[in-house]
């Protein structure tokens, strides 16, 4: 079992990775938007020769990515709530024990549960971001490859 300090350090690293993934998502989204705005300008000039398949993808891919993101977030949210419930049960058990815990024991218990909640929060955010990140990065690669 990992020490509390190691667990919290790992959570910090996971948050940094999450921020990096969010940055990649932002860059990929900007690329996709720029490419598609350019395609829309081309459609305005030549509506008959336009690539309408790409415009169909714009809607369907968002539905798929956001549905997957919502499902992943929902699962992760329930896991997070379970961790919080475990903490409350543990706290109740500690308070009802024949020998009440010391302040140090309570702090240690609360810290361990805090680490679990922090781990589940970063996992929830990562699992919700993953489908959107995958979709945006794939679109950016496909659209920039098309242009070349």
N, C-alpha and C. Protein backbone atom coordinates (compact mmCIF):
# COMPACT_ATOMS: atom_id res chain seq x y z
N UNK A 1 0.84 -1.18 0.00
CA UNK A 1 0.00 0.00 0.00
C UNK A 1 0.89 1.25 0.00
N UNK A 2 0.53 2.22 -0.82
CA UNK A 2 1.31 3.44 -0.93
C UNK A 2 1.10 4.34 0.29
N UNK A 3 2.12 5.09 0.62
CA UNK A 3 1.99 6.03 1.73
C UNK A 3 1.08 7.18 1.30
N UNK A 4 0.56 7.88 2.28
CA UNK A 4 -0.33 9.01 2.00
C UNK A 4 0.39 10.07 1.17
N UNK A 5 1.63 10.36 1.52
CA UNK A 5 2.39 11.37 0.78
C UNK A 5 2.57 10.95 -0.68
N UNK A 6 2.86 9.67 -0.91
CA UNK A 6 3.02 9.18 -2.27
C UNK A 6 1.71 9.27 -3.04
N UNK A 7 0.62 8.92 -2.38
CA UNK A 7 -0.69 9.01 -3.03
C UNK A 7 -1.02 10.44 -3.43
N UNK A 8 -0.77 11.39 -2.53
CA UNK A 8 -1.08 12.79 -2.83
C UNK A 8 -0.15 13.34 -3.91
N UNK A 9 1.12 12.90 -3.91
CA UNK A 9 2.04 13.33 -4.96
C UNK A 9 1.57 12.79 -6.31
N UNK A 10 1.11 11.56 -6.31
CA UNK A 10 0.60 10.95 -7.55
C UNK A 10 -0.64 11.71 -8.05
N UNK A 11 -1.50 12.11 -7.12
CA UNK A 11 -2.67 12.90 -7.50
C UNK A 11 -2.23 14.22 -8.15
N UNK A 12 -1.22 14.86 -7.57
CA UNK A 12 -0.71 16.10 -8.15
C UNK A 12 -0.17 15.90 -9.55
N UNK A 13 0.55 14.82 -9.75
CA UNK A 13 1.07 14.50 -11.09
C UNK A 13 -0.09 14.22 -12.04
N UNK A 14 -1.10 13.49 -11.57
CA UNK A 14 -2.27 13.21 -12.41
C UNK A 14 -3.01 14.50 -12.79
N UNK A 15 -3.10 15.45 -11.84
CA UNK A 15 -3.73 16.74 -12.15
C UNK A 15 -2.92 17.49 -13.21
N UNK A 16 -1.59 17.44 -13.11
CA UNK A 16 -0.75 18.09 -14.11
C UNK A 16 -0.96 17.45 -15.48
N UNK A 17 -1.06 16.12 -15.52
CA UNK A 17 -1.32 15.42 -16.78
C UNK A 17 -2.69 15.81 -17.33
N UNK A 18 -3.65 15.95 -16.45
CA UNK A 18 -4.99 16.37 -16.85
C UNK A 18 -4.96 17.77 -17.47
N UNK A 19 -4.19 18.66 -16.87
CA UNK A 19 -4.05 20.01 -17.41
C UNK A 19 -3.39 19.97 -18.79
N UNK A 20 -2.38 19.13 -18.94
CA UNK A 20 -1.71 18.98 -20.24
C UNK A 20 -2.70 18.46 -21.29
N UNK A 21 -3.50 17.46 -20.89
CA UNK A 21 -4.51 16.91 -21.81
C UNK A 21 -5.53 17.98 -22.19
N UNK A 22 -5.92 18.79 -21.22
CA UNK A 22 -6.84 19.90 -21.51
C UNK A 22 -6.24 20.89 -22.49
N UNK A 23 -4.94 21.15 -22.35
CA UNK A 23 -4.25 22.03 -23.29
C UNK A 23 -4.22 21.44 -24.69
N UNK A 24 -3.94 20.14 -24.78
CA UNK A 24 -3.97 19.47 -26.10
C UNK A 24 -5.36 19.55 -26.71
N UNK A 25 -6.37 19.37 -25.89
CA UNK A 25 -7.75 19.47 -26.36
C UNK A 25 -8.03 20.86 -26.91
N UNK A 26 -7.58 21.88 -26.21
CA UNK A 26 -7.79 23.26 -26.67
C UNK A 26 -7.12 23.52 -28.01
N UNK A 27 -5.88 23.06 -28.16
CA UNK A 27 -5.15 23.26 -29.41
C UNK A 27 -5.82 22.49 -30.55
N UNK A 28 -6.18 21.24 -30.29
CA UNK A 28 -6.84 20.43 -31.33
C UNK A 28 -8.18 21.05 -31.71
N UNK A 29 -8.94 21.53 -30.73
CA UNK A 29 -10.23 22.16 -31.02
C UNK A 29 -10.06 23.41 -31.87
N UNK A 30 -9.05 24.21 -31.54
CA UNK A 30 -8.79 25.42 -32.34
C UNK A 30 -8.44 25.06 -33.78
N UNK A 31 -7.66 24.00 -33.94
CA UNK A 31 -7.29 23.54 -35.29
C UNK A 31 -8.52 23.09 -36.06
N UNK A 32 -9.37 22.29 -35.41
CA UNK A 32 -10.59 21.79 -36.06
C UNK A 32 -11.50 22.95 -36.44
N UNK A 33 -11.67 23.89 -35.54
CA UNK A 33 -12.54 25.04 -35.83
C UNK A 33 -11.99 25.83 -37.01
N UNK A 34 -10.69 26.08 -37.02
CA UNK A 34 -10.08 26.83 -38.12
C UNK A 34 -10.27 26.11 -39.46
N UNK A 35 -10.04 24.81 -39.46
CA UNK A 35 -10.20 24.04 -40.70
C UNK A 35 -11.65 24.06 -41.18
N UNK A 36 -12.57 23.89 -40.26
CA UNK A 36 -13.98 23.82 -40.65
C UNK A 36 -14.54 25.19 -41.06
N UNK A 37 -14.06 26.25 -40.45
CA UNK A 37 -14.49 27.58 -40.88
C UNK A 37 -14.01 27.82 -42.31
N UNK A 38 -12.79 27.37 -42.59
CA UNK A 38 -12.29 27.47 -43.96
C UNK A 38 -13.16 26.67 -44.94
N UNK A 39 -13.61 25.49 -44.51
CA UNK A 39 -14.50 24.68 -45.36
C UNK A 39 -15.84 25.39 -45.57
N UNK A 40 -16.33 26.05 -44.53
CA UNK A 40 -17.60 26.78 -44.66
C UNK A 40 -17.47 27.93 -45.65
N UNK A 41 -16.32 28.57 -45.66
CA UNK A 41 -16.09 29.65 -46.62
C UNK A 41 -16.08 29.09 -48.05
N UNK A 42 -15.49 27.90 -48.21
CA UNK A 42 -15.48 27.27 -49.53
C UNK A 42 -16.90 26.91 -49.98
N UNK A 43 -17.72 26.44 -49.05
CA UNK A 43 -19.11 26.09 -49.37
C UNK A 43 -19.87 27.33 -49.83
N UNK A 44 -19.59 28.46 -49.21
CA UNK A 44 -20.26 29.70 -49.60
C UNK A 44 -19.89 30.08 -51.03
N UNK A 45 -18.65 29.79 -51.42
CA UNK A 45 -18.21 30.11 -52.79
C UNK A 45 -18.73 29.09 -53.80
N UNK A 46 -18.78 27.81 -53.40
CA UNK A 46 -19.18 26.74 -54.33
C UNK A 46 -20.05 25.72 -53.61
N UNK A 47 -21.35 26.01 -53.44
CA UNK A 47 -22.20 25.10 -52.67
C UNK A 47 -22.39 23.73 -53.32
N UNK A 48 -22.26 23.63 -54.61
CA UNK A 48 -22.50 22.36 -55.29
C UNK A 48 -21.30 21.42 -55.15
N UNK A 49 -20.11 21.95 -55.14
CA UNK A 49 -18.92 21.11 -55.06
C UNK A 49 -18.42 20.89 -53.64
N UNK A 50 -19.21 21.20 -52.65
CA UNK A 50 -18.76 21.13 -51.26
C UNK A 50 -18.73 19.70 -50.73
N UNK A 51 -17.90 19.53 -49.69
CA UNK A 51 -17.80 18.24 -48.99
C UNK A 51 -18.77 18.26 -47.81
N UNK A 52 -19.99 17.82 -48.04
CA UNK A 52 -21.01 17.86 -47.00
C UNK A 52 -20.85 16.73 -45.97
N UNK A 53 -20.09 15.73 -46.30
CA UNK A 53 -19.85 14.63 -45.34
C UNK A 53 -19.18 15.17 -44.08
N UNK A 54 -18.28 16.12 -44.27
CA UNK A 54 -17.60 16.71 -43.11
C UNK A 54 -18.59 17.46 -42.23
N UNK A 55 -19.57 18.10 -42.83
CA UNK A 55 -20.56 18.84 -42.04
C UNK A 55 -21.48 17.88 -41.28
N UNK A 56 -21.75 16.72 -41.87
CA UNK A 56 -22.52 15.69 -41.15
C UNK A 56 -21.75 15.20 -39.92
N UNK A 57 -20.43 15.03 -40.10
CA UNK A 57 -19.59 14.56 -38.99
C UNK A 57 -19.58 15.54 -37.83
N UNK A 58 -19.71 16.82 -38.13
CA UNK A 58 -19.61 17.84 -37.09
C UNK A 58 -20.64 17.61 -35.98
N UNK A 59 -21.80 17.13 -36.34
CA UNK A 59 -22.85 16.91 -35.34
C UNK A 59 -22.73 15.51 -34.73
N UNK A 60 -22.65 14.50 -35.56
CA UNK A 60 -22.66 13.12 -35.04
C UNK A 60 -21.47 12.83 -34.13
N UNK A 61 -20.30 13.35 -34.45
CA UNK A 61 -19.13 13.07 -33.61
C UNK A 61 -19.27 13.73 -32.24
N UNK A 62 -19.90 14.88 -32.20
CA UNK A 62 -20.09 15.55 -30.90
C UNK A 62 -21.06 14.76 -30.03
N UNK A 63 -22.10 14.24 -30.64
CA UNK A 63 -23.07 13.44 -29.89
C UNK A 63 -22.38 12.22 -29.29
N UNK A 64 -21.59 11.54 -30.09
CA UNK A 64 -20.89 10.34 -29.63
C UNK A 64 -19.89 10.69 -28.53
N UNK A 65 -19.08 11.73 -28.74
CA UNK A 65 -18.04 12.08 -27.77
C UNK A 65 -18.65 12.56 -26.45
N UNK A 66 -19.68 13.40 -26.53
CA UNK A 66 -20.27 13.90 -25.28
C UNK A 66 -21.08 12.83 -24.56
N UNK A 67 -21.68 11.91 -25.28
CA UNK A 67 -22.38 10.80 -24.63
C UNK A 67 -21.38 9.91 -23.88
N UNK A 68 -20.25 9.61 -24.52
CA UNK A 68 -19.21 8.81 -23.86
C UNK A 68 -18.63 9.56 -22.66
N UNK A 69 -18.44 10.85 -22.81
CA UNK A 69 -17.92 11.66 -21.71
C UNK A 69 -18.89 11.68 -20.54
N UNK A 70 -20.16 11.88 -20.82
CA UNK A 70 -21.17 11.90 -19.76
C UNK A 70 -21.28 10.57 -19.04
N UNK A 71 -21.22 9.48 -19.80
CA UNK A 71 -21.30 8.14 -19.19
C UNK A 71 -20.09 7.90 -18.29
N UNK A 72 -18.91 8.27 -18.77
CA UNK A 72 -17.69 8.09 -17.98
C UNK A 72 -17.74 8.95 -16.71
N UNK A 73 -18.22 10.16 -16.85
CA UNK A 73 -18.31 11.05 -15.69
C UNK A 73 -19.32 10.53 -14.68
N UNK A 74 -20.42 10.01 -15.17
CA UNK A 74 -21.43 9.46 -14.26
C UNK A 74 -20.88 8.29 -13.45
N UNK A 75 -20.19 7.39 -14.12
CA UNK A 75 -19.57 6.25 -13.41
C UNK A 75 -18.56 6.74 -12.38
N UNK A 76 -17.73 7.67 -12.78
CA UNK A 76 -16.69 8.18 -11.88
C UNK A 76 -17.32 8.96 -10.71
N UNK A 77 -18.39 9.66 -10.98
CA UNK A 77 -19.07 10.42 -9.93
C UNK A 77 -19.60 9.48 -8.84
N UNK A 78 -20.18 8.36 -9.25
CA UNK A 78 -20.69 7.42 -8.26
C UNK A 78 -19.56 6.82 -7.43
N UNK A 79 -18.43 6.54 -8.07
CA UNK A 79 -17.27 6.03 -7.32
C UNK A 79 -16.81 7.08 -6.30
N UNK A 80 -16.79 8.33 -6.72
CA UNK A 80 -16.39 9.41 -5.82
C UNK A 80 -17.36 9.53 -4.64
N UNK A 81 -18.64 9.40 -4.91
CA UNK A 81 -19.62 9.47 -3.84
C UNK A 81 -19.46 8.30 -2.86
N UNK A 82 -19.08 7.15 -3.40
CA UNK A 82 -18.84 5.99 -2.54
C UNK A 82 -17.67 6.26 -1.59
N UNK A 83 -16.61 6.90 -2.10
CA UNK A 83 -15.47 7.25 -1.25
C UNK A 83 -15.90 8.22 -0.15
N UNK A 84 -16.71 9.18 -0.51
CA UNK A 84 -17.19 10.13 0.50
C UNK A 84 -18.06 9.41 1.54
N UNK A 85 -18.92 8.52 1.09
CA UNK A 85 -19.75 7.74 2.02
C UNK A 85 -18.90 6.88 2.94
N UNK A 86 -17.84 6.27 2.39
CA UNK A 86 -16.93 5.48 3.22
C UNK A 86 -16.31 6.33 4.32
N UNK A 87 -15.94 7.56 3.97
CA UNK A 87 -15.36 8.46 4.96
C UNK A 87 -16.37 8.77 6.06
N UNK A 88 -17.60 9.05 5.69
CA UNK A 88 -18.61 9.39 6.70
C UNK A 88 -18.91 8.20 7.61
N UNK A 89 -18.95 6.99 7.04
CA UNK A 89 -19.17 5.79 7.85
C UNK A 89 -17.99 5.59 8.80
N UNK A 90 -16.78 5.75 8.29
CA UNK A 90 -15.59 5.59 9.12
C UNK A 90 -15.56 6.64 10.24
N UNK A 91 -15.93 7.85 9.92
CA UNK A 91 -15.97 8.90 10.93
C UNK A 91 -17.02 8.58 12.00
N UNK A 92 -18.18 8.11 11.57
CA UNK A 92 -19.23 7.71 12.52
C UNK A 92 -18.77 6.58 13.40
N UNK A 93 -18.12 5.57 12.81
CA UNK A 93 -17.59 4.45 13.59
C UNK A 93 -16.57 4.94 14.62
N UNK A 94 -15.73 5.85 14.22
CA UNK A 94 -14.71 6.37 15.14
C UNK A 94 -15.35 7.11 16.30
N UNK A 95 -16.35 7.88 16.01
CA UNK A 95 -17.00 8.67 17.06
C UNK A 95 -17.82 7.80 18.02
N UNK A 96 -18.28 6.65 17.54
CA UNK A 96 -19.12 5.78 18.38
C UNK A 96 -18.32 4.68 19.07
N UNK A 97 -17.02 4.64 18.85
CA UNK A 97 -16.21 3.60 19.46
C UNK A 97 -16.08 3.86 20.97
N UNK A 98 -15.79 2.81 21.75
CA UNK A 98 -15.67 2.98 23.20
C UNK A 98 -14.57 3.98 23.58
N UNK A 99 -13.51 4.01 22.77
CA UNK A 99 -12.44 4.97 23.03
C UNK A 99 -12.41 5.95 21.86
N UNK A 100 -12.86 7.18 22.07
CA UNK A 100 -12.85 8.15 20.97
C UNK A 100 -11.43 8.35 20.44
N UNK A 101 -11.29 8.51 19.14
CA UNK A 101 -9.95 8.68 18.56
C UNK A 101 -9.35 10.03 18.97
N UNK A 102 -8.04 10.04 18.98
CA UNK A 102 -7.34 11.30 19.27
C UNK A 102 -7.43 12.21 18.04
N UNK A 103 -7.04 13.43 18.22
CA UNK A 103 -7.02 14.36 17.09
C UNK A 103 -6.11 13.88 15.98
N UNK A 104 -4.98 13.29 16.35
CA UNK A 104 -4.04 12.77 15.36
C UNK A 104 -4.66 11.62 14.58
N UNK A 105 -5.35 10.72 15.28
CA UNK A 105 -6.00 9.59 14.59
C UNK A 105 -7.07 10.09 13.63
N UNK A 106 -7.86 11.06 14.09
CA UNK A 106 -8.89 11.61 13.20
C UNK A 106 -8.27 12.27 11.98
N UNK A 107 -7.18 13.00 12.20
CA UNK A 107 -6.49 13.66 11.09
C UNK A 107 -5.97 12.63 10.10
N UNK A 108 -5.39 11.55 10.60
CA UNK A 108 -4.85 10.51 9.72
C UNK A 108 -5.97 9.85 8.91
N UNK A 109 -7.08 9.56 9.58
CA UNK A 109 -8.21 8.95 8.88
C UNK A 109 -8.77 9.90 7.82
N UNK A 110 -8.96 11.15 8.21
CA UNK A 110 -9.50 12.13 7.27
C UNK A 110 -8.55 12.33 6.09
N UNK A 111 -7.25 12.34 6.34
CA UNK A 111 -6.27 12.51 5.27
C UNK A 111 -6.30 11.34 4.29
N UNK A 112 -6.41 10.13 4.82
CA UNK A 112 -6.48 8.95 3.94
C UNK A 112 -7.73 9.01 3.06
N UNK A 113 -8.84 9.40 3.66
CA UNK A 113 -10.07 9.51 2.86
C UNK A 113 -9.98 10.67 1.87
N UNK A 114 -9.33 11.75 2.29
CA UNK A 114 -9.14 12.88 1.38
C UNK A 114 -8.35 12.42 0.15
N UNK A 115 -7.33 11.62 0.36
CA UNK A 115 -6.54 11.11 -0.76
C UNK A 115 -7.42 10.29 -1.70
N UNK A 116 -8.31 9.47 -1.14
CA UNK A 116 -9.21 8.67 -1.99
C UNK A 116 -10.15 9.55 -2.79
N UNK A 117 -10.68 10.58 -2.15
CA UNK A 117 -11.60 11.49 -2.84
C UNK A 117 -10.84 12.26 -3.93
N UNK A 118 -9.63 12.72 -3.62
CA UNK A 118 -8.83 13.44 -4.61
C UNK A 118 -8.49 12.54 -5.80
N UNK A 119 -8.12 11.28 -5.51
CA UNK A 119 -7.82 10.34 -6.60
C UNK A 119 -9.05 10.11 -7.48
N UNK A 120 -10.20 9.94 -6.84
CA UNK A 120 -11.39 9.69 -7.65
C UNK A 120 -11.81 10.94 -8.42
N UNK A 121 -11.56 12.12 -7.88
CA UNK A 121 -11.91 13.35 -8.60
C UNK A 121 -11.06 13.52 -9.86
N UNK A 122 -9.76 13.27 -9.73
CA UNK A 122 -8.91 13.43 -10.91
C UNK A 122 -9.21 12.34 -11.93
N UNK A 123 -9.56 11.14 -11.47
CA UNK A 123 -9.96 10.08 -12.41
C UNK A 123 -11.27 10.45 -13.12
N UNK A 124 -12.20 11.03 -12.37
CA UNK A 124 -13.48 11.44 -12.97
C UNK A 124 -13.25 12.47 -14.06
N UNK A 125 -12.44 13.47 -13.75
CA UNK A 125 -12.17 14.51 -14.75
C UNK A 125 -11.45 13.93 -15.96
N UNK A 126 -10.49 13.06 -15.72
CA UNK A 126 -9.75 12.44 -16.82
C UNK A 126 -10.63 11.55 -17.68
N UNK A 127 -11.51 10.79 -17.04
CA UNK A 127 -12.37 9.90 -17.82
C UNK A 127 -13.41 10.70 -18.61
N UNK A 128 -13.84 11.84 -18.08
CA UNK A 128 -14.80 12.68 -18.81
C UNK A 128 -14.11 13.39 -19.98
N UNK A 129 -12.87 13.76 -19.80
CA UNK A 129 -12.14 14.49 -20.83
C UNK A 129 -11.65 13.58 -21.96
N UNK A 130 -11.38 12.32 -21.64
CA UNK A 130 -10.76 11.40 -22.60
C UNK A 130 -11.51 11.27 -23.93
N UNK A 131 -12.83 11.03 -23.95
CA UNK A 131 -13.50 10.90 -25.25
C UNK A 131 -13.46 12.19 -26.08
N UNK A 132 -13.56 13.33 -25.42
CA UNK A 132 -13.51 14.61 -26.12
C UNK A 132 -12.12 14.85 -26.69
N UNK A 133 -11.11 14.52 -25.89
CA UNK A 133 -9.71 14.66 -26.31
C UNK A 133 -9.42 13.78 -27.52
N UNK A 134 -9.85 12.51 -27.44
CA UNK A 134 -9.63 11.57 -28.56
C UNK A 134 -10.27 12.08 -29.83
N UNK A 135 -11.52 12.52 -29.73
CA UNK A 135 -12.26 12.98 -30.91
C UNK A 135 -11.63 14.23 -31.51
N UNK A 136 -11.30 15.20 -30.69
CA UNK A 136 -10.72 16.44 -31.20
C UNK A 136 -9.35 16.20 -31.83
N UNK A 137 -8.52 15.38 -31.18
CA UNK A 137 -7.19 15.10 -31.75
C UNK A 137 -7.30 14.35 -33.07
N UNK A 138 -8.22 13.37 -33.13
CA UNK A 138 -8.40 12.62 -34.39
C UNK A 138 -8.89 13.54 -35.50
N UNK A 139 -9.82 14.42 -35.18
CA UNK A 139 -10.33 15.36 -36.19
C UNK A 139 -9.24 16.30 -36.67
N UNK A 140 -8.46 16.82 -35.75
CA UNK A 140 -7.38 17.74 -36.14
C UNK A 140 -6.40 17.04 -37.07
N UNK A 141 -6.02 15.80 -36.73
CA UNK A 141 -5.10 15.05 -37.61
C UNK A 141 -5.72 14.82 -38.98
N UNK A 142 -6.98 14.38 -38.98
CA UNK A 142 -7.64 14.08 -40.25
C UNK A 142 -7.80 15.32 -41.12
N UNK A 143 -8.22 16.42 -40.53
CA UNK A 143 -8.48 17.63 -41.30
C UNK A 143 -7.19 18.27 -41.80
N UNK A 144 -6.13 18.25 -41.02
CA UNK A 144 -4.88 18.84 -41.49
C UNK A 144 -4.21 17.93 -42.54
N UNK A 145 -4.43 16.63 -42.43
CA UNK A 145 -3.90 15.70 -43.44
C UNK A 145 -4.64 15.90 -44.77
N UNK A 146 -5.94 16.17 -44.70
CA UNK A 146 -6.76 16.40 -45.89
C UNK A 146 -6.25 17.60 -46.67
N UNK A 147 -5.82 18.63 -45.95
CA UNK A 147 -5.41 19.89 -46.56
C UNK A 147 -4.10 19.73 -47.32
N UNK A 148 -3.24 18.83 -46.87
CA UNK A 148 -1.90 18.69 -47.48
C UNK A 148 -1.96 18.12 -48.81
